[in-house]
């Protein structure tokens, strides 16, 4: 995607051909900075500390972590150690497990001397596959935006509401929920995006708004609780979100607050679509509310907030009394009945087992 006229992916190999470089998302939107990952431990820390985040990018970073682990020790024991170490970083996004399983199944049968080259080769494939899938998601989803635009008078934009960040920063390139917006924008569709701030980490404010601004897409930042009001007033045409895990029955686990947006959209008759690649589907789970593990992050993310001061210095400040406690569930589950449709790299379908099986018949 485009930053000040330069094309970027979120993750790439350094010039030396073995270390990994990523955009440090904890510094955005005020500082654009990259960081270098040289070890398994560096990759795990980048995932855990959210220098990289978003289900697809978490998976890719974990796969690179496996490759880095093989550089230092390509033994059978280190394959299992690296898998366990990376798997423990974040529990909710299923792409993490998917990518690690892909790497283990590739590496385990090989001789140790062959594992490093094979690992790097497979991660390169995963990166290209992810970018291609997200581009395809964009094309399938853009049809929904264009359909609304086709019924509009000239000069009236299509208003789309999104929650959290499911743009190219959450993937290798293009994104999931934002990919249809980027494709429609490229095609000249007049559109505008309502960007939920997405507390407590403010990934909408710091990441989605930054992405859209960098790419020249019209947008307005809103507080999380404004979405329902806008829908009641007819100011939202479509809702697009991403997902960290979708069950075989079509339940959607995404950043906390998504469920409330889906409820408001259902009440107001606003279509609510979820965009995802195939490796975000967890075919082993049927009941998302009961069976998806929900990450609890540190309460400090709720009790404090980060930003840029008038002096230009980035700092963290307390927003609650010193003796107050907080709970920080990072995700919630939107039942399939509230989801208008799923947008995947293979096309669109109903949020149901039947709908998913129509796109992925090999899962029978």
Protein backbone atom coordinates (compact mmCIF):
# COMPACT_ATOMS: atom_id res chain seq x y z
CA UNK A 1 0.00 0.00 0.00
CA UNK A 2 0.95 3.63 -0.30
CA UNK A 3 2.74 5.78 2.27
CA UNK A 4 3.83 9.17 0.97
CA UNK A 5 4.14 7.78 -2.54
CA UNK A 6 6.12 4.68 -1.55
CA UNK A 7 4.74 1.16 -1.65
CA UNK A 8 5.06 -0.93 1.50
CA UNK A 9 4.15 -4.28 2.89
CA UNK A 10 3.92 -4.73 6.65
CA UNK A 11 6.69 -7.35 6.83
CA UNK A 12 9.68 -8.14 4.60
CA UNK A 13 13.16 -9.62 4.60
CA UNK A 14 16.03 -7.27 5.34
CA UNK A 15 18.74 -6.66 2.75
CA UNK A 16 20.86 -9.40 4.33
CA UNK A 17 18.21 -11.94 3.26
CA UNK A 18 17.56 -13.53 6.65
CA UNK A 19 16.51 -10.96 9.27
CA UNK A 20 12.91 -9.75 9.20
CA UNK A 21 11.75 -6.14 9.23
CA UNK A 22 8.31 -4.91 10.27
CA UNK A 23 6.55 -1.60 10.72
CA UNK A 24 6.40 -0.90 14.45
CA UNK A 25 2.68 -0.32 14.88
CA UNK A 26 3.04 0.78 18.50
CA UNK A 27 4.63 4.01 17.24
CA UNK A 28 1.91 4.94 14.76
CA UNK A 29 0.41 7.32 13.81
CA UNK A 30 2.94 9.85 15.04
CA UNK A 31 6.18 8.03 14.21
CA UNK A 32 6.81 5.76 11.22
CA UNK A 33 9.54 3.39 12.30
CA UNK A 34 10.60 -0.11 11.37
CA UNK A 35 12.18 -2.69 13.62
CA UNK A 36 14.40 -5.66 12.90
CA UNK A 37 13.64 -9.20 14.10
CA UNK A 38 16.65 -11.50 14.28
CA UNK A 39 15.59 -14.30 16.63
CA UNK A 40 12.64 -16.44 17.64
CA UNK A 41 12.39 -14.35 20.81
CA UNK A 42 12.23 -11.11 18.80
CA UNK A 43 9.38 -12.45 16.67
CA UNK A 44 7.46 -13.60 19.74
CA UNK A 45 7.93 -10.23 21.45
CA UNK A 46 6.74 -8.36 18.35
CA UNK A 47 3.51 -10.39 18.41
CA UNK A 48 3.00 -10.23 22.17
CA UNK A 49 3.75 -6.50 22.45
CA UNK A 50 1.65 -5.72 19.36
CA UNK A 51 4.38 -4.23 17.23
CA UNK A 52 2.58 -6.43 14.72
CA UNK A 53 -1.11 -7.27 15.12
CA UNK A 54 -4.07 -8.39 13.06
CA UNK A 55 -4.78 -12.08 12.66
CA UNK A 56 -3.15 -12.61 9.22
CA UNK A 57 -0.01 -10.61 10.09
CA UNK A 58 0.34 -12.40 13.43
CA UNK A 59 0.37 -15.68 11.51
CA UNK A 60 2.99 -14.49 9.02
CA UNK A 61 5.22 -13.12 11.78
CA UNK A 62 4.99 -16.42 13.64
CA UNK A 63 5.98 -18.27 10.47
CA UNK A 64 9.02 -16.03 10.13
CA UNK A 65 9.74 -16.73 13.80
CA UNK A 66 9.92 -20.43 12.94
CA UNK A 67 12.36 -19.64 10.11
CA UNK A 68 14.54 -17.57 12.45
CA UNK A 69 14.47 -20.40 14.99
CA UNK A 70 15.75 -22.83 12.34
CA UNK A 71 18.73 -20.55 11.64
CA UNK A 72 19.96 -20.97 15.20
CA UNK A 73 18.97 -24.60 15.75
CA UNK A 74 17.28 -26.78 13.13
CA UNK A 75 16.80 -29.78 15.43
CA UNK A 76 13.52 -31.62 15.96
CA UNK A 77 13.40 -30.37 19.54
CA UNK A 78 13.69 -26.75 18.48
CA UNK A 79 10.83 -27.11 16.00
CA UNK A 80 8.55 -28.08 18.89
CA UNK A 81 10.02 -25.44 21.19
CA UNK A 82 9.51 -22.69 18.61
CA UNK A 83 5.95 -23.86 17.96
CA UNK A 84 5.05 -23.83 21.66
CA UNK A 85 6.83 -20.53 22.33
CA UNK A 86 5.10 -18.68 19.51
CA UNK A 87 1.72 -20.34 20.04
CA UNK A 88 1.63 -18.93 23.59
CA UNK A 89 1.97 -15.29 22.51
CA UNK A 90 -1.71 -14.59 21.73
CA UNK A 91 -4.62 -17.01 22.15
CA UNK A 92 -7.53 -15.70 20.06
CA UNK A 93 -6.41 -15.25 16.45
CA UNK A 94 -6.56 -18.67 14.76
CA UNK A 95 -4.14 -17.63 11.97
CA UNK A 96 -1.32 -17.99 14.50
CA UNK A 97 -2.06 -21.68 14.99
CA UNK A 98 -2.62 -22.18 11.27
CA UNK A 99 0.72 -20.69 10.26
CA UNK A 100 2.67 -22.58 12.91
CA UNK A 101 1.03 -25.86 11.90
CA UNK A 102 1.92 -25.18 8.27
CA UNK A 103 5.56 -24.71 9.22
CA UNK A 104 5.76 -27.77 11.46
CA UNK A 105 4.19 -30.02 8.83
CA UNK A 106 6.71 -28.73 6.28
CA UNK A 107 9.81 -28.88 8.45
CA UNK A 108 9.35 -32.04 10.51
CA UNK A 109 9.90 -34.55 7.65
CA UNK A 110 13.00 -32.74 6.35
CA UNK A 111 16.62 -33.28 7.26
CA UNK A 112 17.93 -30.53 9.57
CA UNK A 113 20.26 -29.20 6.85
CA UNK A 114 17.28 -28.55 4.58
CA UNK A 115 15.03 -26.82 7.08
CA UNK A 116 16.28 -23.22 6.94
CA UNK A 117 15.90 -22.81 3.18
CA UNK A 118 12.54 -24.58 3.20
CA UNK A 119 11.25 -22.41 6.05
CA UNK A 120 12.12 -19.13 4.35
CA UNK A 121 10.71 -20.36 1.07
CA UNK A 122 7.36 -21.29 2.63
CA UNK A 123 7.03 -17.98 4.48
CA UNK A 124 7.63 -16.10 1.23
CA UNK A 125 4.78 -18.11 -0.30
CA UNK A 126 2.49 -17.37 2.66
CA UNK A 127 3.21 -13.63 2.32
CA UNK A 128 2.36 -13.59 -1.38
CA UNK A 129 -0.73 -15.75 -0.81
CA UNK A 130 -1.95 -13.40 1.91
CA UNK A 131 -1.57 -10.33 -0.28
CA UNK A 132 -3.34 -12.07 -3.18
CA UNK A 133 -6.19 -13.26 -0.96
CA UNK A 134 -6.73 -9.81 0.50
CA UNK A 135 -6.76 -8.28 -2.98
CA UNK A 136 -9.43 -10.84 -3.95
CA UNK A 137 -11.44 -10.03 -0.81
CA UNK A 138 -11.28 -6.41 -1.90
CA UNK A 139 -12.69 -7.18 -5.33
CA UNK A 140 -15.55 -9.29 -3.94
CA UNK A 141 -16.42 -6.71 -1.29
CA UNK A 142 -16.17 -3.70 -3.58
CA UNK A 143 -19.23 -5.00 -5.42
CA UNK A 144 -21.30 -4.25 -2.31
CA UNK A 145 -20.05 -0.66 -2.19
CA UNK A 146 -20.60 -0.16 -5.90
CA UNK A 147 -24.17 -1.46 -5.60
CA UNK A 148 -24.98 1.24 -3.05
CA UNK A 149 -23.16 3.89 -5.07
CA UNK A 150 -25.16 2.98 -8.16
CA UNK A 151 -28.37 4.05 -6.40
CA UNK A 152 -26.94 7.40 -5.26
CA UNK A 153 -27.17 10.84 -6.76
CA UNK A 154 -23.89 12.20 -8.03
CA UNK A 155 -21.81 13.69 -5.26
CA UNK A 156 -23.41 11.67 -2.44
CA UNK A 157 -20.84 9.31 -0.90
CA UNK A 158 -21.34 5.77 0.30
CA UNK A 159 -20.84 5.85 4.09
CA UNK A 160 -19.09 2.82 5.54
CA UNK A 161 -18.46 2.18 9.23
CA UNK A 162 -15.58 0.00 10.39
CA UNK A 163 -14.30 -1.09 13.79
CA UNK A 164 -10.68 -1.63 14.89
CA UNK A 165 -8.06 -1.96 12.15
CA UNK A 166 -8.51 -4.55 9.43
CA UNK A 167 -6.53 -2.76 6.77
CA UNK A 168 -3.19 -3.56 5.26
CA UNK A 169 -1.47 -3.05 8.63
CA UNK A 170 -3.34 -6.13 9.88
CA UNK A 171 -2.21 -8.27 6.94
CA UNK A 172 0.74 -8.43 4.57
CA UNK A 173 -0.99 -6.04 2.16
CA UNK A 174 -4.44 -4.68 1.23
CA UNK A 175 -6.21 -5.80 4.41
CA UNK A 176 -9.53 -7.55 4.92
CA UNK A 177 -12.33 -5.14 5.88
CA UNK A 178 -10.55 -2.18 4.28
CA UNK A 179 -9.62 -4.02 1.09
CA UNK A 180 -13.07 -3.45 -0.50
CA UNK A 181 -12.76 0.22 0.41
CA UNK A 182 -9.34 0.50 -1.24
CA UNK A 183 -10.54 -1.31 -4.37
CA UNK A 184 -13.68 0.82 -4.64
CA UNK A 185 -11.58 3.95 -4.06
CA UNK A 186 -9.24 2.89 -6.88
CA UNK A 187 -12.27 2.49 -9.13
CA UNK A 188 -13.37 6.04 -8.43
CA UNK A 189 -16.33 5.29 -6.18
CA UNK A 190 -17.30 8.26 -4.00
CA UNK A 191 -17.08 6.91 -0.46
CA UNK A 192 -16.49 7.98 3.12
CA UNK A 193 -15.45 5.88 6.12
CA UNK A 194 -16.61 6.31 9.71
CA UNK A 195 -13.63 5.11 11.78
CA UNK A 196 -14.34 3.81 15.29
CA UNK A 197 -11.56 4.88 17.64
CA UNK A 198 -11.59 1.32 19.08
CA UNK A 199 -10.58 1.70 22.68
CA UNK A 200 -8.67 0.77 24.71
CA UNK A 201 -5.73 0.55 22.27
CA UNK A 202 -7.28 2.99 19.79
CA UNK A 203 -6.30 1.00 16.73
CA UNK A 204 -8.97 2.71 14.68
CA UNK A 205 -7.71 6.14 15.66
CA UNK A 206 -4.03 5.37 15.37
CA UNK A 207 -3.95 2.82 12.54
CA UNK A 208 -7.10 2.85 10.39
CA UNK A 209 -7.27 6.64 10.24
CA UNK A 210 -3.54 6.78 9.42
CA UNK A 211 -3.90 4.20 6.66
CA UNK A 212 -6.86 5.92 5.06
CA UNK A 213 -5.22 9.35 5.28
CA UNK A 214 -2.00 7.99 3.75
CA UNK A 215 -3.99 6.50 0.89
CA UNK A 216 -6.21 9.55 0.32
CA UNK A 217 -9.51 7.96 1.40
CA UNK A 218 -12.11 10.30 2.95
CA UNK A 219 -12.80 9.39 6.57
CA UNK A 220 -13.97 10.73 9.92
CA UNK A 221 -12.88 9.46 13.32
CA UNK A 222 -15.72 8.80 15.78
CA UNK A 223 -15.94 7.64 19.39
CA UNK A 224 -16.96 3.99 19.64
CA UNK A 225 -20.39 4.70 21.09
CA UNK A 226 -21.44 7.02 18.24
CA UNK A 227 -21.98 4.27 15.67
CA UNK A 228 -25.51 3.40 16.77
CA UNK A 229 -26.59 7.03 16.64
CA UNK A 230 -25.24 7.42 13.11
CA UNK A 231 -27.07 4.29 12.00
CA UNK A 232 -30.34 5.54 13.48
CA UNK A 233 -29.93 8.77 11.51
CA UNK A 234 -29.38 6.96 8.22
CA UNK A 235 -25.75 8.05 8.07
CA UNK A 236 -24.27 4.57 7.64
CA UNK A 237 -24.87 2.48 4.50
CA UNK A 238 -22.65 -0.50 5.25
CA UNK A 239 -20.59 -1.92 8.12
CA UNK A 240 -17.36 -3.77 7.30
CA UNK A 241 -15.21 -5.46 9.93
CA UNK A 242 -12.48 -8.05 9.93
CA UNK A 243 -12.19 -11.11 12.14
CA UNK A 244 -9.67 -12.96 14.26
CA UNK A 245 -11.58 -16.23 14.13
CA UNK A 246 -14.77 -17.40 12.40
CA UNK A 247 -16.43 -20.65 13.44
CA UNK A 248 -17.74 -23.33 11.13
CA UNK A 249 -21.24 -22.01 11.86
CA UNK A 250 -20.38 -18.41 10.94
CA UNK A 251 -19.94 -16.83 14.40
CA UNK A 252 -17.38 -14.02 14.25
CA UNK A 253 -14.77 -13.20 16.89
CA UNK A 254 -13.31 -9.73 16.44
CA UNK A 255 -12.05 -6.77 18.44
CA UNK A 256 -14.21 -6.05 21.47
CA UNK A 257 -17.08 -3.75 20.55
CA UNK A 258 -17.86 -5.48 17.27
CA UNK A 259 -20.85 -7.29 18.78
CA UNK A 260 -22.42 -3.98 19.84
CA UNK A 261 -21.99 -2.57 16.33
CA UNK A 262 -23.63 -5.66 14.89
CA UNK A 263 -26.58 -5.29 17.27
CA UNK A 264 -27.04 -1.65 16.27
CA UNK A 265 -26.75 -2.50 12.59
CA UNK A 266 -29.34 -5.27 12.94
CA UNK A 267 -31.76 -2.95 14.71
CA UNK A 268 -31.32 -0.22 12.10
CA UNK A 269 -31.36 -2.44 9.03
CA UNK A 270 -27.76 -1.67 8.08
CA UNK A 271 -25.90 -4.53 6.32
CA UNK A 272 -23.07 -5.88 8.49
CA UNK A 273 -20.36 -7.72 6.53
CA UNK A 274 -17.23 -9.48 7.79
CA UNK A 275 -14.14 -9.93 5.60
CA UNK A 276 -11.63 -12.75 6.14
CA UNK A 277 -9.29 -15.16 4.35
CA UNK A 278 -9.78 -18.94 4.60
CA UNK A 279 -7.12 -19.37 7.28
CA UNK A 280 -9.20 -17.31 9.73
CA UNK A 281 -11.91 -20.00 9.69
CA UNK A 282 -11.71 -22.46 12.58
CA UNK A 283 -13.52 -25.54 11.32
CA UNK A 284 -13.08 -27.27 14.70
CA UNK A 285 -15.34 -24.83 16.57
CA UNK A 286 -19.10 -24.54 16.22
CA UNK A 287 -20.15 -22.28 19.10
CA UNK A 288 -18.13 -19.07 19.07
CA UNK A 289 -19.50 -17.67 22.33
CA UNK A 290 -18.65 -20.77 24.34
CA UNK A 291 -15.57 -22.17 22.61
CA UNK A 292 -13.35 -19.34 21.34
CA UNK A 293 -10.67 -18.37 23.89
CA UNK A 294 -10.91 -14.63 24.59
CA UNK A 295 -7.63 -12.91 25.37
CA UNK A 296 -7.46 -10.78 28.50
CA UNK A 297 -4.81 -8.14 28.20
CA UNK A 298 -3.19 -6.05 30.91
CA UNK A 299 -5.48 -3.63 32.71
CA UNK A 300 -2.96 -0.82 32.11
CA UNK A 301 -4.30 -0.50 28.56
CA UNK A 302 -7.66 0.57 30.02
CA UNK A 303 -6.31 2.69 32.88
CA UNK A 304 -3.90 4.65 30.68
CA UNK A 305 -3.87 6.22 27.24
CA UNK A 306 -1.03 7.15 24.91
CA UNK A 307 -0.77 10.16 22.65
CA UNK A 308 1.33 13.01 21.40
CA UNK A 309 1.67 16.04 23.63
CA UNK A 310 1.67 19.64 22.44
CA UNK A 311 5.44 19.55 22.86
CA UNK A 312 5.64 16.80 20.23
CA UNK A 313 6.62 14.10 22.72
CA UNK A 314 4.75 10.79 22.73
CA UNK A 315 3.74 9.79 26.25
CA UNK A 316 1.33 7.67 28.25
CA UNK A 317 -0.98 9.28 30.84
CA UNK A 318 -3.35 7.89 33.45
CA UNK A 319 -7.09 8.40 32.84
CA UNK A 320 -8.50 6.67 35.95
CA UNK A 321 -8.03 7.04 39.71
CA UNK A 322 -4.96 5.32 41.09
CA UNK A 323 -7.06 2.96 43.21
CA UNK A 324 -9.40 1.85 40.39
CA UNK A 325 -9.14 -1.59 38.83
CA UNK A 326 -10.02 -2.52 35.26
CA UNK A 327 -10.75 -5.59 33.14
CA UNK A 328 -9.51 -5.81 29.57
CA UNK A 329 -11.15 -8.47 27.40
CA UNK A 330 -9.69 -7.86 23.95
CA UNK A 331 -12.35 -9.56 21.78
CA UNK A 332 -16.03 -10.40 21.64
CA UNK A 333 -18.14 -12.77 19.54
CA UNK A 334 -20.86 -11.70 17.12
CA UNK A 335 -23.39 -14.52 16.51
CA UNK A 336 -23.88 -15.53 12.90
CA UNK A 337 -27.51 -14.38 12.97
CA UNK A 338 -26.30 -10.75 13.16
CA UNK A 339 -23.89 -11.04 10.22
CA UNK A 340 -25.29 -10.13 6.80
CA UNK A 341 -22.54 -12.00 4.98
CA UNK A 342 -18.93 -13.13 4.90
CA UNK A 343 -16.48 -11.87 2.28
CA UNK A 344 -13.61 -14.25 1.51
CA UNK A 345 -10.99 -14.65 -1.19
CA UNK A 346 -13.35 -17.12 -2.93
CA UNK A 347 -16.38 -14.85 -2.88
CA UNK A 348 -19.27 -13.90 -0.61
CA UNK A 349 -21.49 -16.23 1.36
CA UNK A 350 -24.00 -16.39 4.19
CA UNK A 351 -22.59 -16.55 7.72
CA UNK A 352 -23.52 -20.19 8.17
CA UNK A 353 -22.09 -23.69 7.78
CA UNK A 354 -23.98 -24.09 4.52
CA UNK A 355 -22.65 -20.79 3.23
CA UNK A 356 -19.06 -21.57 4.13
CA UNK A 357 -19.25 -25.08 2.75
CA UNK A 358 -20.47 -23.64 -0.55
CA UNK A 359 -17.13 -21.81 -0.83
CA UNK A 360 -14.96 -24.48 0.81
CA UNK A 361 -16.45 -27.87 -0.18
CA UNK A 362 -13.13 -29.59 0.53
CA UNK A 363 -13.87 -29.22 4.25
CA UNK A 364 -16.54 -31.95 4.15
